[in-house]
C-alpha atoms as a PDB file:
ATOM      1  CA  MET A   1     325.957  89.615 183.753  1.00  0.00           C
ATOM      2  CA  GLU A   2     326.893  87.823 180.543  1.00  0.00           C
ATOM      3  CA  VAL A   3     324.288  87.034 177.862  1.00  0.00           C
ATOM      4  CA  LEU A   4     324.911  83.767 176.044  1.00  0.00           C
ATOM      5  CA  PRO A   5     323.726  83.513 172.463  1.00  0.00           C
ATOM      6  CA  GLY A   6     321.754  80.514 171.262  1.00  0.00           C
ATOM      7  CA  PRO A   7     318.928  78.435 172.628  1.00  0.00           C
ATOM      8  CA  THR A   8     318.593  77.776 176.322  1.00  0.00           C
ATOM      9  CA  GLY A   9     316.510  75.278 178.200  1.00  0.00           C
ATOM     10  CA  ARG A  10     315.126  72.033 176.888  1.00  0.00           C
ATOM     11  CA  ARG A  11     314.516  71.644 173.169  1.00  0.00           C
ATOM     12  CA  ARG A  12     312.341  69.110 171.387  1.00  0.00           C
ATOM     13  CA  TRP A  13     313.678  67.541 168.193  1.00  0.00           C
ATOM     14  CA  PRO A  14     311.174  66.033 165.724  1.00  0.00           C
ATOM     15  CA  ASP A  15     311.891  62.401 164.826  1.00  0.00           C
ATOM     16  CA  ASP A  16     312.465  63.221 161.145  1.00  0.00           C
ATOM     17  CA  LEU A  17     315.160  65.749 162.089  1.00  0.00           C
ATOM     18  CA  LYS A  18     316.745  63.282 164.531  1.00  0.00           C
ATOM     19  CA  ALA A  19     316.814  60.709 161.720  1.00  0.00           C
ATOM     20  CA  ARG A  20     318.513  63.155 159.317  1.00  0.00           C
ATOM     21  CA  ILE A  21     321.106  64.062 161.938  1.00  0.00           C
ATOM     22  CA  VAL A  22     321.812  60.389 162.692  1.00  0.00           C
ATOM     23  CA  ALA A  23     322.081  59.664 158.954  1.00  0.00           C
ATOM     24  CA  GLU A  24     324.700  62.427 158.675  1.00  0.00           C
ATOM     25  CA  THR A  25     326.806  60.723 161.338  1.00  0.00           C
ATOM     26  CA  LEU A  26     326.691  57.453 159.402  1.00  0.00           C
ATOM     27  CA  GLN A  27     328.267  58.930 156.275  1.00  0.00           C
ATOM     28  CA  PRO A  28     331.864  57.876 155.559  1.00  0.00           C
ATOM     29  CA  GLY A  29     334.313  60.177 157.350  1.00  0.00           C
ATOM     30  CA  ALA A  30     331.622  61.856 159.475  1.00  0.00           C
ATOM     31  CA  ARG A  31     332.355  62.536 163.143  1.00  0.00           C
ATOM     32  CA  VAL A  32     329.615  62.693 165.759  1.00  0.00           C
ATOM     33  CA  ASN A  33     331.314  65.660 167.482  1.00  0.00           C
ATOM     34  CA  GLU A  34     331.350  67.715 164.259  1.00  0.00           C
ATOM     35  CA  VAL A  35     327.718  66.947 163.416  1.00  0.00           C
ATOM     36  CA  ALA A  36     326.683  67.772 166.987  1.00  0.00           C
ATOM     37  CA  ALA A  37     328.486  71.131 166.802  1.00  0.00           C
ATOM     38  CA  ARG A  38     326.704  72.017 163.543  1.00  0.00           C
ATOM     39  CA  TYR A  39     323.314  71.545 165.203  1.00  0.00           C
ATOM     40  CA  GLY A  40     324.235  72.959 168.612  1.00  0.00           C
ATOM     41  CA  LEU A  41     323.867  69.566 170.272  1.00  0.00           C
ATOM     42  CA  LEU A  42     325.897  67.630 172.773  1.00  0.00           C
ATOM     43  CA  PRO A  43     327.457  64.539 171.161  1.00  0.00           C
ATOM     44  CA  ASN A  44     325.820  62.250 173.726  1.00  0.00           C
ATOM     45  CA  HIS A  45     322.355  63.264 172.438  1.00  0.00           C
ATOM     46  CA  ILE A  46     323.263  62.008 168.977  1.00  0.00           C
ATOM     47  CA  SER A  47     324.740  58.839 170.486  1.00  0.00           C
ATOM     48  CA  VAL A  48     321.411  58.140 172.194  1.00  0.00           C
ATOM     49  CA  TRP A  49     319.559  58.711 168.902  1.00  0.00           C
ATOM     50  CA  ARG A  50     321.992  56.379 167.104  1.00  0.00           C
ATOM     51  CA  SER A  51     321.214  53.702 169.695  1.00  0.00           C
ATOM     52  CA  LEU A  52     317.491  54.205 169.101  1.00  0.00           C
ATOM     53  CA  ALA A  53     318.045  53.805 165.353  1.00  0.00           C
ATOM     54  CA  ARG A  54     320.033  50.588 165.863  1.00  0.00           C
ATOM     55  CA  ARG A  55     317.181  49.157 167.946  1.00  0.00           C
ATOM     56  CA  GLY A  56     314.634  50.171 165.295  1.00  0.00           C
ATOM     57  CA  GLU A  57     312.975  52.758 167.548  1.00  0.00           C
ATOM     58  CA  LEU A  58     314.001  55.658 165.296  1.00  0.00           C
ATOM     59  CA  ALA A  59     313.447  55.162 161.576  1.00  0.00           C
ATOM     60  CA  LEU A  60     316.191  56.716 159.495  1.00  0.00           C
ATOM     61  CA  ALA A  61     315.403  59.088 156.645  1.00  0.00           C
ATOM     62  CA  ASP A  62     313.816  57.635 153.478  1.00  0.00           C
ATOM     63  CA  ARG A  63     316.978  58.297 151.489  1.00  0.00           C
ATOM     64  CA  ASP A  64     318.532  55.352 153.346  1.00  0.00           C
ATOM     65  CA  LEU A  65     315.949  52.947 151.986  1.00  0.00           C
ATOM     66  CA  PRO A  66     316.608  51.092 148.748  1.00  0.00           C
ATOM     67  CA  ALA A  67     315.167  52.713 145.626  1.00  0.00           C
ATOM     68  CA  PHE A  68     313.878  49.362 144.341  1.00  0.00           C
ATOM     69  CA  VAL A  69     312.601  46.361 146.243  1.00  0.00           C
ATOM     70  CA  PRO A  70     311.649  43.226 144.278  1.00  0.00           C
ATOM     71  CA  ILE A  71     308.069  42.281 145.156  1.00  0.00           C
ATOM     72  CA  SER A  72     305.104  40.813 143.386  1.00  0.00           C
ATOM     73  CA  VAL A  73     301.551  42.000 143.976  1.00  0.00           C
ATOM     74  CA  GLN A  74     298.479  39.820 143.584  1.00  0.00           C
ATOM     75  CA  SER A  75     295.029  41.301 143.854  1.00  0.00           C
ATOM     76  CA  ASP A  76     292.769  38.251 143.716  1.00  0.00           C
ATOM     77  CA  ALA A  77     290.786  37.159 146.774  1.00  0.00           C
ATOM     78  CA  ALA A  78     292.379  33.687 146.669  1.00  0.00           C
ATOM     79  CA  SER A  79     295.706  35.201 147.677  1.00  0.00           C
ATOM     80  CA  ASN A  80     294.334  35.794 151.207  1.00  0.00           C
ATOM     81  CA  ASP A  81     294.440  32.018 151.742  1.00  0.00           C
ATOM     82  CA  GLU A  82     298.173  32.136 151.029  1.00  0.00           C
ATOM     83  CA  CYS A  83     298.695  34.336 154.099  1.00  0.00           C
ATOM     84  CA  HIS A  84     297.901  31.372 156.315  1.00  0.00           C
ATOM     85  CA  ARG A  85     300.217  28.917 154.540  1.00  0.00           C
ATOM     86  CA  GLY A  86     303.511  30.917 154.234  1.00  0.00           C
ATOM     87  CA  GLY A  87     306.759  29.216 153.315  1.00  0.00           C
ATOM     88  CA  ALA A  88     310.262  29.831 154.616  1.00  0.00           C
ATOM     89  CA  ALA A  89     311.508  31.331 151.333  1.00  0.00           C
ATOM     90  CA  GLU A  90     309.352  34.443 151.386  1.00  0.00           C
ATOM     91  CA  LEU A  91     307.210  36.676 153.540  1.00  0.00           C
ATOM     92  CA  ARG A  92     303.630  37.334 152.497  1.00  0.00           C
ATOM     93  CA  ILE A  93     301.972  40.508 153.718  1.00  0.00           C
ATOM     94  CA  CYS A  94     298.236  40.650 153.144  1.00  0.00           C
ATOM     95  CA  VAL A  95     296.348  43.939 153.196  1.00  0.00           C
ATOM     96  CA  GLY A  96     292.745  43.539 152.141  1.00  0.00           C
ATOM     97  CA  ASP A  97     292.699  41.584 148.876  1.00  0.00           C
ATOM     98  CA  VAL A  98     296.340  42.398 148.046  1.00  0.00           C
ATOM     99  CA  THR A  99     299.312  40.207 149.014  1.00  0.00           C
ATOM    100  CA  LEU A 100     302.913  41.453 148.970  1.00  0.00           C
ATOM    101  CA  HIS A 101     305.585  38.764 148.524  1.00  0.00           C
ATOM    102  CA  VAL A 102     308.992  39.783 149.904  1.00  0.00           C
ATOM    103  CA  PRO A 103     312.124  37.739 150.691  1.00  0.00           C
ATOM    104  CA  ALA A 104     312.209  36.175 154.174  1.00  0.00           C
ATOM    105  CA  GLY A 105     315.218  38.277 155.256  1.00  0.00           C
ATOM    106  CA  PHE A 106     313.588  41.572 154.259  1.00  0.00           C
ATOM    107  CA  PRO A 107     313.987  44.255 157.004  1.00  0.00           C
ATOM    108  CA  ALA A 108     310.852  44.684 159.137  1.00  0.00           C
ATOM    109  CA  ARG A 109     311.043  48.497 158.996  1.00  0.00           C
ATOM    110  CA  GLU A 110     310.953  48.470 155.208  1.00  0.00           C
ATOM    111  CA  ALA A 111     308.115  45.925 155.147  1.00  0.00           C
ATOM    112  CA  ALA A 112     306.126  48.221 157.449  1.00  0.00           C
ATOM    113  CA  ALA A 113     306.779  51.139 155.080  1.00  0.00           C
ATOM    114  CA  LEU A 114     305.487  49.069 152.154  1.00  0.00           C
ATOM    115  CA  VAL A 115     302.313  48.168 154.036  1.00  0.00           C
ATOM    116  CA  ALA A 116     301.770  51.817 155.025  1.00  0.00           C
ATOM    117  CA  ALA A 117     302.190  52.902 151.397  1.00  0.00           C
ATOM    118  CA  LEU A 118     299.771  50.213 150.259  1.00  0.00           C
ATOM    119  CA  ARG A 119     297.154  51.248 152.813  1.00  0.00           C
ATOM    120  CA  ALA A 120     297.559  54.915 151.849  1.00  0.00           C
ATOM    121  CA  SER A 121     296.978  54.131 148.179  1.00  0.00           C
ATOM    122  CA  ALA A 122     293.794  52.131 148.862  1.00  0.00           C
END
């Protein structure tokens, strides 16, 4: 009988670790096979995770988000009326009595992160 070192059976990978692994494969010069070997994974697992990230079903690590996003914050109750009028040039996200103004092409994942941060600070 031969004993094989390393994990056996099915493993569960937390989403934050999946995101970090996928982010590693997106670095210039990185190879999926090499990253998979470092983590003891099959390359096809990482390929599936990369597909999930492309579809927005796996959020990549925060270090991939921009450090600064131009927004303006208004905290008067009148700004809630603006949520119902929106123009094509910007997106208005209303949470309570606060309205975030972001460019129309702003990524949905990042807008969701802004809203979550705003709700957490309230």
